[in-house]
Amino acid sequence: MYPTQNKQVAIRLEKKAGLEKLGISPYPSVHFLTNTTTVAIIQNFKNAPEKFQQIKIAGRLMNYRMMGSAAFAELQDAHGKIQLYIKRDQICPEEDKTLYNTVFKKLLDIGDIIGVHGNVFTTKVGEISINVKYFILLTKSLAPLPIVKTKDDVTFDRFSNPEHRYRQRYVDLIVNPEVKHVFKQRSKMIQTIRGYFDQQGYLEVETPILQPVYGGATARPFKTHHHTLDMPLYLRIANELYLKRLIVGGYEGVYEFAKDFRNEGMSRFHNPEFTQVEIYVAYKNYHWMMHFVEDLVEKIAYNLHSSTQVNVGAHVIDFKKPWQRFTMFEVIEHFTKIDIRSMDEEALRGVAKQLDISLDASAHKGKIIDEIFGKKCEPYLIQPTFITDYPVEMSPLAKQHADNPSLVERFEVICNGKEICNAFSELNDPVEQRKRFEEQLSYAKRGDQEAMVLDEDFLRALSYGMPPTAGLGMGIDRLAMIMTNMPSIQEVIFFPQMKCE
């Protein structure tokens, strides 16, 4: 028995039964072949009316008003909306008028999915419409839609509560058509990235999501258990170490669009399940990767907006290259007026206290610098900016700087106050990599729950020799937020993680 949660559902169930009593299936098994869309009709009818005289179209009934022996309705498909004109004697040319008098007038509801045949015409008031010759019910809707109405430029009953929208994204997509556009732009962005990589000859690959050793980032993982093997497994926090194994194996360029999982806080910038693309290219370094990223993101902006300039909140962000560049120590000194480059952990703790930054007792030198940067610099970097040359303590997988062994060849791009990508000249010395992993283990003993673990198989792979390599991780969700002018990561993920109802 279907749960009759409210009176409207109960009424619709009665209508469903009424259809079945007439021998009409509310859910027919039918191949309804459409030959046009609402947007094709609206855009092309005036220039070529002869092409729209025997159209077949399907969609959701969003509105209708009865006028005796005729009715006007609104049909919405995946692309837009169009008016329908339904005349009783046209859809019921014989004496039996049941299809109009009973089915259409009494047993259909807003939200039902129908298919129609007809001719397109323009009404006396100039609205492009479909003169319906035939219609069929394709799906009966049992749950009432929140119907948005506008009167005197005031909108009523808008489905706008964020929690409702994210939990019921299917309803959000039906009644808020602008949401569809956001996800189309996200898809176009991903296609642009994939096309750019493919054009360079790099290979798209897949690596494990369930991993016996999590690595490639500093983050707390989700843990599960494999019963047959009787062993713990982890949802990946990054795919870096597997992609670098493939570079060891002889590929010169590999990339992967990855679902990654990090068991940490949630906010408008963080979802525990997120998408990023990682790419690794042999015989390159982080200087080459900076130019690569500038080219790529400039291309994305232009493909989505026909301009390098993108409106984001109150800002206009310009992705035209070249972008501004600061080293990590330069940007901290710029915003805090404090030069921290020669400070040890104790002195850095003093600076953090001076800047009113609270620290966990487990925070080591790299983490303290990261906190200072995150609190006092990052929010103020609006235009795309390269932050380069990080302290070695912050970057266990990056190669030491050619001119300063206390630094690594790393950059992040900060845009609109948040990191959108992270890149290294990859560390390929297995002895130094082991040392870095062991240092991470010491941080874990101090209580750092995000410290990396030691991956023996990755070290074994490095011992066979990995060529000089540039690697990049780019957050798809955060970049999509910027490119679609959305203030929250939940707006660019179809089904963001939420607490159970």
Protein backbone atom coordinates (compact mmCIF):
# COMPACT_ATOMS: atom_id res chain seq x y z
CA MET A 1 0.00 0.00 0.00
CA TYR A 2 1.37 3.42 -0.95
CA PRO A 3 1.67 5.65 2.16
CA THR A 4 -1.02 8.34 1.97
CA GLN A 5 1.01 11.05 3.68
CA ASN A 6 -1.46 13.83 3.00
CA LYS A 7 -4.80 14.58 1.44
CA GLN A 8 -3.34 15.54 -1.95
CA VAL A 9 -1.55 12.20 -2.28
CA ALA A 10 -4.75 10.40 -1.35
CA ILE A 11 -6.66 12.31 -4.06
CA ARG A 12 -4.03 11.43 -6.65
CA LEU A 13 -4.20 7.78 -5.65
CA GLU A 14 -7.95 7.91 -6.27
CA LYS A 15 -7.29 9.41 -9.72
CA LYS A 16 -4.79 6.63 -10.43
CA ALA A 17 -7.48 4.11 -9.56
CA GLY A 18 -9.92 6.00 -11.78
CA LEU A 19 -7.56 5.72 -14.75
CA GLU A 20 -7.09 2.02 -14.17
CA LYS A 21 -10.88 1.57 -14.01
CA LEU A 22 -11.10 3.13 -17.48
CA GLY A 23 -8.47 0.68 -18.72
CA ILE A 24 -5.78 3.39 -18.94
CA SER A 25 -2.40 2.45 -17.46
CA PRO A 26 -0.92 5.26 -15.32
CA TYR A 27 2.53 3.85 -16.18
CA PRO A 28 2.29 2.39 -19.70
CA SER A 29 5.15 0.46 -21.25
CA VAL A 30 5.48 2.59 -24.34
CA HIS A 31 8.18 3.91 -26.63
CA PHE A 32 7.13 7.49 -27.18
CA LEU A 33 9.43 8.78 -29.91
CA THR A 34 9.87 12.55 -29.73
CA ASN A 35 11.06 14.55 -32.74
CA THR A 36 11.65 17.99 -31.23
CA THR A 37 12.15 19.91 -27.98
CA THR A 38 10.62 23.02 -26.44
CA VAL A 39 13.75 25.09 -27.04
CA ALA A 40 13.96 23.99 -30.70
CA ILE A 41 10.36 25.12 -31.24
CA ILE A 42 10.74 28.46 -29.47
CA GLN A 43 13.99 29.33 -31.23
CA ASN A 44 13.15 28.15 -34.75
CA PHE A 45 9.39 28.23 -35.35
CA LYS A 46 9.16 31.82 -36.61
CA ASN A 47 11.88 31.26 -39.22
CA ALA A 48 10.72 27.81 -40.35
CA PRO A 49 7.06 27.18 -39.33
CA GLU A 50 6.68 24.42 -41.92
CA LYS A 51 9.10 22.21 -39.95
CA PHE A 52 6.85 22.14 -36.89
CA GLN A 53 3.53 20.88 -38.27
CA GLN A 54 3.71 17.27 -37.12
CA ILE A 55 5.68 17.42 -33.91
CA LYS A 56 5.91 14.86 -31.14
CA ILE A 57 7.06 16.05 -27.75
CA ALA A 58 6.95 14.77 -24.17
CA GLY A 59 7.31 16.36 -20.78
CA ARG A 60 5.78 17.25 -17.47
CA LEU A 61 2.43 19.02 -17.16
CA MET A 62 3.25 22.16 -15.15
CA ASN A 63 0.05 24.16 -15.39
CA TYR A 64 -3.36 24.10 -17.02
CA ARG A 65 -6.56 26.07 -17.10
CA MET A 66 -9.91 24.80 -18.39
CA MET A 67 -12.11 26.88 -20.67
CA GLY A 68 -15.14 24.68 -21.27
CA SER A 69 -14.45 22.59 -24.36
CA ALA A 70 -10.85 23.78 -24.60
CA ALA A 71 -7.89 24.19 -22.30
CA PHE A 72 -4.46 25.77 -22.16
CA ALA A 73 -1.65 23.93 -20.44
CA GLU A 74 2.10 24.23 -19.98
CA LEU A 75 4.47 21.39 -20.82
CA GLN A 76 8.04 21.31 -19.50
CA ASP A 77 10.72 19.05 -20.98
CA ALA A 78 14.46 18.88 -20.19
CA HIS A 79 15.08 22.11 -22.11
CA GLY A 80 12.26 24.52 -21.27
CA LYS A 81 8.51 25.13 -21.35
CA ILE A 82 5.87 25.63 -24.03
CA GLN A 83 2.14 26.26 -24.05
CA LEU A 84 -0.31 23.58 -25.18
CA TYR A 85 -3.75 24.26 -26.63
CA ILE A 86 -6.08 21.29 -26.15
CA LYS A 87 -9.49 21.37 -27.83
CA ARG A 88 -11.99 18.67 -26.88
CA ASP A 89 -13.23 17.91 -30.40
CA GLN A 90 -9.70 17.63 -31.77
CA ILE A 91 -8.46 15.02 -29.32
CA CYS A 92 -11.89 13.34 -29.25
CA PRO A 93 -13.18 13.56 -32.87
CA GLU A 94 -15.71 10.74 -32.29
CA GLU A 95 -18.78 10.88 -30.05
CA ASP A 96 -16.91 9.48 -27.04
CA LYS A 97 -15.45 12.50 -25.22
CA THR A 98 -14.11 10.54 -22.22
CA LEU A 99 -10.47 11.32 -22.98
CA TYR A 100 -11.12 15.03 -22.57
CA ASN A 101 -14.08 15.22 -20.17
CA THR A 102 -12.86 12.59 -17.74
CA VAL A 103 -9.17 11.90 -18.27
CA PHE A 104 -7.84 15.36 -19.05
CA LYS A 105 -10.27 17.44 -16.98
CA LYS A 106 -10.58 15.22 -13.92
CA LEU A 107 -7.81 12.62 -13.70
CA LEU A 108 -4.67 14.53 -14.70
CA ASP A 109 -2.58 16.59 -12.27
CA ILE A 110 0.25 19.07 -12.37
CA GLY A 111 3.42 16.98 -12.43
CA ASP A 112 2.05 14.20 -14.66
CA ILE A 113 4.24 13.30 -17.62
CA ILE A 114 2.47 13.27 -20.98
CA GLY A 115 3.30 12.90 -24.64
CA VAL A 116 1.58 14.95 -27.35
CA HIS A 117 1.32 15.13 -31.14
CA GLY A 118 0.31 18.35 -32.82
CA ASN A 119 1.05 21.45 -34.85
CA VAL A 120 2.84 24.55 -33.67
CA PHE A 121 1.10 27.91 -34.09
CA THR A 122 1.13 31.42 -32.66
CA THR A 123 -1.82 32.54 -30.54
CA LYS A 124 -3.60 35.87 -30.94
CA VAL A 125 -1.43 37.33 -28.17
CA GLY A 126 1.73 36.13 -29.95
CA GLU A 127 2.65 33.10 -27.82
CA ILE A 128 4.15 30.11 -29.61
CA SER A 129 2.01 27.09 -28.71
CA ILE A 130 1.23 23.53 -29.72
CA ASN A 131 -2.24 22.72 -31.03
CA VAL A 132 -2.59 19.21 -29.59
CA LYS A 133 -4.14 16.56 -31.83
CA TYR A 134 -3.33 13.58 -29.59
CA PHE A 135 -2.03 13.06 -26.08
CA ILE A 136 -1.07 10.10 -23.92
CA LEU A 137 -0.42 9.84 -20.21
CA LEU A 138 3.11 8.44 -19.74
CA THR A 139 3.51 8.70 -15.96
CA LYS A 140 1.09 9.58 -13.17
CA SER A 141 2.64 11.78 -10.47
CA LEU A 142 1.48 10.95 -6.95
CA ALA A 143 3.42 13.64 -5.06
CA PRO A 144 2.31 17.26 -5.61
CA LEU A 145 4.95 19.68 -6.88
CA PRO A 146 5.62 23.02 -5.20
CA ILE A 147 4.33 25.28 -7.96
CA VAL A 148 6.10 28.60 -8.22
CA LYS A 149 3.76 31.50 -9.05
CA THR A 150 4.54 35.10 -9.91
CA LYS A 151 2.10 37.97 -9.54
CA ASP A 152 2.95 41.66 -9.92
CA ASP A 153 6.65 40.71 -10.02
CA VAL A 154 6.35 38.94 -6.66
CA THR A 155 7.22 35.22 -6.52
CA PHE A 156 5.23 32.87 -4.29
CA ASP A 157 5.81 29.29 -3.12
CA ARG A 158 9.40 29.19 -4.38
CA PHE A 159 11.15 25.89 -3.57
CA SER A 160 14.15 27.67 -2.05
CA ASN A 161 14.92 26.12 1.34
CA PRO A 162 18.50 24.75 0.89
CA GLU A 163 17.93 21.65 3.00
CA HIS A 164 14.80 20.72 1.05
CA ARG A 165 16.53 21.46 -2.27
CA TYR A 166 19.58 19.29 -1.51
CA ARG A 167 17.55 16.41 -0.05
CA GLN A 168 15.05 16.47 -2.93
CA ARG A 169 17.29 17.47 -5.81
CA TYR A 170 14.81 15.85 -8.21
CA VAL A 171 12.16 18.40 -7.17
CA ASP A 172 14.73 21.20 -7.26
CA LEU A 173 15.57 20.34 -10.87
CA ILE A 174 11.90 20.30 -11.87
CA VAL A 175 10.83 23.61 -10.38
CA ASN A 176 14.09 25.62 -10.46
CA PRO A 177 15.30 25.39 -14.08
CA GLU A 178 18.38 27.54 -13.37
CA VAL A 179 19.77 24.63 -11.32
CA LYS A 180 19.94 22.50 -14.47
CA HIS A 181 22.09 25.18 -16.09
CA VAL A 182 24.61 25.01 -13.23
CA PHE A 183 25.12 21.29 -13.75
CA LYS A 184 25.30 21.66 -17.52
CA GLN A 185 28.09 24.19 -17.00
CA ARG A 186 29.84 21.79 -14.62
CA SER A 187 29.64 19.05 -17.24
CA LYS A 188 30.97 21.41 -19.91
CA MET A 189 33.86 22.30 -17.62
CA ILE A 190 34.78 18.64 -17.17
CA GLN A 191 34.53 18.03 -20.92
CA THR A 192 36.88 20.97 -21.50
CA ILE A 193 39.45 19.58 -19.07
CA ARG A 194 39.24 16.08 -20.54
CA GLY A 195 39.50 17.41 -24.08
CA TYR A 196 42.52 19.53 -23.19
CA PHE A 197 44.33 16.57 -21.62
CA ASP A 198 43.43 14.24 -24.49
CA GLN A 199 44.66 16.80 -27.00
CA GLN A 200 48.07 16.67 -25.32
CA GLY A 201 48.10 12.88 -25.70
CA TYR A 202 47.70 12.02 -22.00
CA LEU A 203 45.94 8.78 -21.05
CA GLU A 204 42.81 8.69 -18.89
CA VAL A 205 43.05 5.83 -16.38
CA GLU A 206 41.25 4.38 -13.35
CA THR A 207 42.86 3.51 -10.03
CA PRO A 208 41.47 1.83 -6.88
CA ILE A 209 38.95 3.59 -4.66
CA LEU A 210 39.31 0.92 -1.96
CA GLN A 211 42.94 0.98 -0.84
CA PRO A 212 44.84 -1.09 1.73
CA VAL A 213 47.01 1.97 2.50
CA TYR A 214 45.56 5.45 2.09
CA GLY A 215 47.92 8.15 0.88
CA GLY A 216 48.60 11.03 -1.47
CA ALA A 217 47.29 13.70 0.89
CA THR A 218 47.15 14.66 4.55
CA ALA A 219 43.60 13.82 5.59
CA ARG A 220 41.64 11.48 7.83
CA PRO A 221 40.18 8.54 5.85
CA PHE A 222 36.96 6.56 5.92
CA LYS A 223 37.65 2.98 7.01
CA THR A 224 35.83 -0.20 6.05
CA HIS A 225 36.45 -3.96 6.24
CA HIS A 226 36.71 -6.62 3.54
CA HIS A 227 35.18 -9.80 4.96
CA THR A 228 36.63 -12.33 2.51
CA LEU A 229 40.19 -11.03 2.84
CA ASP A 230 39.60 -10.21 6.52
CA MET A 231 41.49 -6.94 6.23
CA PRO A 232 40.81 -3.23 6.68
CA LEU A 233 40.44 -1.06 3.59
CA TYR A 234 40.18 2.69 3.19
CA LEU A 235 38.25 4.90 0.79
CA ARG A 236 40.92 6.83 -1.06
CA ILE A 237 41.75 10.34 0.06
CA ALA A 238 43.70 10.89 -3.20
CA ASN A 239 44.80 8.85 -6.22
CA GLU A 240 48.30 10.33 -6.42
CA LEU A 241 50.39 7.35 -5.36
CA TYR A 242 48.72 4.97 -7.83
CA LEU A 243 49.07 7.41 -10.72
CA LYS A 244 52.76 7.83 -9.96
CA ARG A 245 53.14 4.05 -10.02
CA LEU A 246 51.92 4.24 -13.63
CA ILE A 247 54.59 6.85 -14.43
CA VAL A 248 57.14 4.39 -13.01
CA GLY A 249 55.61 1.77 -15.31
CA GLY A 250 56.43 3.83 -18.40
CA TYR A 251 53.47 6.10 -19.19
CA GLU A 252 54.54 9.67 -19.84
CA GLY A 253 51.22 11.30 -18.99
CA VAL A 254 48.22 9.91 -17.08
CA TYR A 255 45.16 11.53 -15.52
CA GLU A 256 42.04 10.48 -13.63
CA PHE A 257 38.78 12.14 -12.63
CA ALA A 258 38.45 10.72 -9.13
CA LYS A 259 35.87 10.54 -6.41
CA ASP A 260 37.86 11.04 -3.21
CA PHE A 261 36.71 10.78 0.39
CA ARG A 262 37.95 12.62 3.46
CA ASN A 263 36.52 12.06 6.92
CA GLU A 264 36.68 15.64 8.07
CA GLY A 265 34.55 18.72 8.62
CA MET A 266 31.67 19.82 6.39
CA SER A 267 31.07 23.39 5.28
CA ARG A 268 30.07 25.35 2.22
CA PHE A 269 33.57 24.56 0.89
CA HIS A 270 33.84 20.92 2.03
CA ASN A 271 31.89 17.77 1.24
CA PRO A 272 33.23 14.41 2.52
CA GLU A 273 32.85 12.96 -0.98
CA PHE A 274 34.29 15.24 -3.64
CA THR A 275 35.64 15.17 -7.19
CA GLN A 276 39.09 16.09 -8.31
CA VAL A 277 41.20 15.48 -11.39
CA GLU A 278 44.83 14.52 -10.97
CA ILE A 279 47.39 14.49 -13.78
CA TYR A 280 51.05 13.42 -13.82
CA VAL A 281 53.41 14.20 -16.68
CA ALA A 282 56.94 12.79 -16.92
CA TYR A 283 60.01 14.91 -17.67
CA LYS A 284 58.30 18.10 -16.46
CA ASN A 285 58.51 20.22 -13.29
CA TYR A 286 56.31 22.64 -11.38
CA HIS A 287 57.34 25.63 -13.52
CA TRP A 288 55.98 23.85 -16.60
CA MET A 289 52.84 22.88 -14.66
CA MET A 290 52.13 26.53 -13.77
CA HIS A 291 51.92 27.45 -17.45
CA PHE A 292 49.84 24.32 -18.11
CA VAL A 293 47.31 25.31 -15.40
CA GLU A 294 47.07 28.91 -16.61
CA ASP A 295 46.32 27.72 -20.14
CA LEU A 296 43.77 25.16 -18.96
CA VAL A 297 41.74 27.40 -16.63
CA GLU A 298 41.78 30.31 -19.07
CA LYS A 299 40.36 27.91 -21.68
CA ILE A 300 37.66 26.69 -19.25
CA ALA A 301 36.55 30.26 -18.49
CA TYR A 302 36.38 31.13 -22.17
CA ASN A 303 34.48 27.96 -23.11
CA LEU A 304 31.87 28.58 -20.41
CA HIS A 305 31.57 32.36 -20.61
CA SER A 306 33.11 33.43 -23.96
CA SER A 307 35.40 35.59 -21.84
CA THR A 308 38.27 35.17 -19.39
CA GLN A 309 36.30 37.29 -16.92
CA VAL A 310 33.86 35.53 -14.60
CA ASN A 311 31.42 37.14 -12.16
CA VAL A 312 31.82 35.56 -8.72
CA GLY A 313 29.75 37.14 -5.98
CA ALA A 314 30.78 40.79 -5.71
CA HIS A 315 33.97 40.22 -7.71
CA VAL A 316 34.93 39.95 -11.35
CA ILE A 317 37.68 37.35 -11.55
CA ASP A 318 39.92 37.47 -14.61
CA PHE A 319 41.62 34.21 -15.59
CA LYS A 320 43.64 35.79 -18.40
CA LYS A 321 47.27 34.72 -18.03
CA PRO A 322 49.77 35.44 -16.60
CA TRP A 323 48.55 35.23 -12.99
CA GLN A 324 50.24 36.87 -10.02
CA ARG A 325 52.79 34.83 -8.03
CA PHE A 326 54.03 34.91 -4.44
CA THR A 327 56.17 32.48 -2.48
CA MET A 328 54.59 31.15 0.72
CA PHE A 329 56.86 33.30 2.91
CA GLU A 330 56.34 36.39 0.75
CA VAL A 331 52.55 36.22 0.98
CA ILE A 332 52.60 35.66 4.75
CA GLU A 333 54.91 38.65 5.22
CA HIS A 334 52.74 40.71 2.86
CA PHE A 335 49.57 40.18 4.90
CA THR A 336 50.97 39.88 8.46
CA LYS A 337 54.08 42.11 8.22
CA ILE A 338 56.00 39.25 9.88
CA ASP A 339 58.93 37.40 8.29
CA ILE A 340 58.66 33.79 9.47
CA ARG A 341 61.10 32.13 7.06
CA SER A 342 63.82 31.38 9.66
CA MET A 343 61.54 30.59 12.63
CA ASP A 344 61.43 27.26 14.45
CA GLU A 345 58.28 25.63 15.83
CA GLU A 346 58.36 27.47 19.14
CA ALA A 347 58.73 30.89 17.48
CA LEU A 348 55.94 30.05 15.04
CA ARG A 349 53.64 29.20 17.94
CA GLY A 350 54.37 32.66 19.32
CA VAL A 351 53.44 34.24 15.99
CA ALA A 352 50.21 32.26 15.85
CA LYS A 353 49.32 33.45 19.34
CA GLN A 354 50.17 37.03 18.36
CA LEU A 355 47.84 36.69 15.35
CA ASP A 356 45.07 35.18 17.51
CA ILE A 357 45.22 31.80 15.76
CA SER A 358 44.36 28.84 17.99
CA LEU A 359 46.47 25.71 17.50
CA ASP A 360 46.01 22.08 18.40
CA ALA A 361 48.72 20.69 20.70
CA SER A 362 49.74 18.25 17.93
CA ALA A 363 50.44 21.04 15.41
CA HIS A 364 53.95 20.79 13.97
CA LYS A 365 55.91 23.45 12.09
CA GLY A 366 54.30 22.76 8.71
CA LYS A 367 50.81 22.77 10.16
CA ILE A 368 51.38 26.05 12.01
CA ILE A 369 52.56 27.76 8.81
CA ASP A 370 49.53 26.34 7.00
CA GLU A 371 47.21 27.73 9.69
CA ILE A 372 48.78 31.18 9.48
CA PHE A 373 48.47 31.18 5.70
CA GLY A 374 44.90 29.83 5.80
CA LYS A 375 43.64 32.36 8.33
CA LYS A 376 45.58 35.51 7.42
CA CYS A 377 46.30 35.28 3.69
CA GLU A 378 44.12 32.87 1.75
CA PRO A 379 40.75 34.67 2.23
CA TYR A 380 42.17 37.85 0.68
CA LEU A 381 43.47 36.29 -2.52
CA ILE A 382 40.57 36.84 -4.92
CA GLN A 383 42.20 36.90 -8.36
CA PRO A 384 43.90 33.61 -9.37
CA THR A 385 47.26 33.57 -7.61
CA PHE A 386 50.13 31.08 -7.53
CA ILE A 387 51.55 30.48 -4.04
CA THR A 388 54.90 28.75 -4.51
CA ASP A 389 57.90 27.27 -2.71
CA TYR A 390 56.44 25.76 0.45
CA PRO A 391 58.44 24.68 3.52
CA VAL A 392 59.45 21.03 3.25
CA GLU A 393 57.48 20.18 6.43
CA MET A 394 54.22 21.03 4.62
CA SER A 395 54.78 18.83 1.57
CA PRO A 396 55.92 15.23 2.14
CA LEU A 397 55.49 14.20 -1.52
CA ALA A 398 57.15 17.19 -3.22
CA LYS A 399 60.74 17.45 -4.46
CA GLN A 400 63.18 19.69 -2.61
CA HIS A 401 63.71 23.10 -4.16
CA ALA A 402 66.69 23.29 -6.52
CA ASP A 403 68.03 26.40 -4.73
CA ASN A 404 66.89 25.90 -1.14
CA PRO A 405 66.66 22.42 0.47
CA SER A 406 64.41 23.73 3.26
CA LEU A 407 61.71 24.36 0.64
CA VAL A 408 59.93 22.21 -1.95
CA GLU A 409 58.91 22.83 -5.54
CA ARG A 410 55.20 23.16 -4.95
CA PHE A 411 52.43 25.58 -5.83
CA GLU A 412 48.78 26.05 -5.04
CA VAL A 413 46.38 28.26 -6.97
CA ILE A 414 44.22 30.35 -4.68
CA CYS A 415 41.15 31.98 -6.20
CA ASN A 416 38.18 33.68 -4.56
CA GLY A 417 39.81 33.01 -1.19
CA LYS A 418 40.15 29.23 -1.58
CA GLU A 419 42.60 26.70 -3.00
CA ILE A 420 41.47 25.26 -6.34
CA CYS A 421 44.56 23.19 -7.19
CA ASN A 422 47.80 21.85 -5.76
CA ALA A 423 50.89 20.78 -7.71
CA PHE A 424 54.48 19.58 -7.23
CA SER A 425 57.65 18.68 -8.88
CA GLU A 426 57.18 15.13 -7.59
CA LEU A 427 59.64 13.66 -5.13
CA ASN A 428 61.26 10.67 -6.87
CA ASP A 429 64.10 9.86 -4.46
CA PRO A 430 62.95 6.72 -2.60
CA VAL A 431 65.39 7.28 0.29
CA GLU A 432 64.19 10.85 0.87
CA GLN A 433 60.57 9.73 0.43
CA ARG A 434 60.98 7.13 3.19
CA LYS A 435 62.45 9.79 5.44
CA ARG A 436 59.45 12.07 4.77
CA PHE A 437 57.00 9.25 5.49
CA GLU A 438 58.77 8.48 8.77
CA GLU A 439 58.55 12.14 9.72
CA GLN A 440 54.79 11.93 9.07
CA LEU A 441 54.60 8.92 11.41
CA SER A 442 56.21 11.03 14.13
CA TYR A 443 53.48 13.64 13.62
CA ALA A 444 50.84 10.92 13.96
CA LYS A 445 52.37 9.91 17.31
CA ARG A 446 51.93 13.51 18.43
CA GLY A 447 48.22 13.21 17.68
CA ASP A 448 47.96 14.49 14.10
CA GLN A 449 45.04 12.49 12.72
CA GLU A 450 45.71 13.75 9.17
CA ALA A 451 49.36 12.67 8.98
CA MET A 452 50.34 10.36 6.10
CA VAL A 453 51.05 6.69 6.59
CA LEU A 454 54.05 4.83 5.20
CA ASP A 455 53.31 3.00 1.93
CA GLU A 456 55.95 0.31 1.39
CA ASP A 457 54.69 -0.69 -2.03
CA PHE A 458 54.88 2.89 -3.27
CA LEU A 459 58.46 3.12 -1.99
CA ARG A 460 59.22 -0.14 -3.80
CA ALA A 461 57.80 1.35 -7.00
CA LEU A 462 59.97 4.46 -6.61
CA SER A 463 63.03 2.26 -6.13
CA TYR A 464 62.62 1.08 -9.74
CA GLY A 465 63.02 4.70 -10.83
CA MET A 466 60.43 7.38 -11.56
CA PRO A 467 61.48 10.05 -14.07
CA PRO A 468 61.27 13.73 -13.10
CA THR A 469 57.52 14.33 -12.99
CA ALA A 470 55.10 17.21 -12.53
CA GLY A 471 51.83 16.40 -10.79
CA LEU A 472 48.60 18.34 -10.32
CA GLY A 473 45.41 17.86 -8.33
CA MET A 474 42.50 20.18 -9.19
CA GLY A 475 39.25 20.35 -7.22
CA ILE A 476 36.37 20.05 -9.67
CA ASP A 477 33.70 21.09 -7.16
CA ARG A 478 35.43 24.29 -6.04
CA LEU A 479 36.31 25.26 -9.60
CA ALA A 480 32.68 24.65 -10.56
CA MET A 481 31.57 26.97 -7.73
CA ILE A 482 33.67 29.75 -9.23
CA MET A 483 32.74 29.10 -12.85
CA THR A 484 28.99 29.02 -12.05
CA ASN A 485 29.02 31.78 -9.41
CA MET A 486 27.69 29.52 -6.67
CA PRO A 487 28.40 30.35 -3.00
CA SER A 488 28.28 26.77 -1.69
CA ILE A 489 29.78 23.45 -2.74
CA GLN A 490 26.35 21.87 -2.14
CA GLU A 491 25.04 23.88 -5.11
CA VAL A 492 27.39 22.13 -7.57
CA ILE A 493 27.03 18.55 -6.27
CA PHE A 494 23.81 16.82 -7.26
CA PHE A 495 23.45 14.94 -3.97
CA PRO A 496 25.62 16.48 -1.23
CA GLN A 497 26.13 14.55 2.00
CA MET A 498 23.55 15.41 4.64
CA LYS A 499 22.50 14.22 8.05
CA CYS A 500 19.75 11.62 7.95
CA GLU A 501 16.24 13.01 8.31
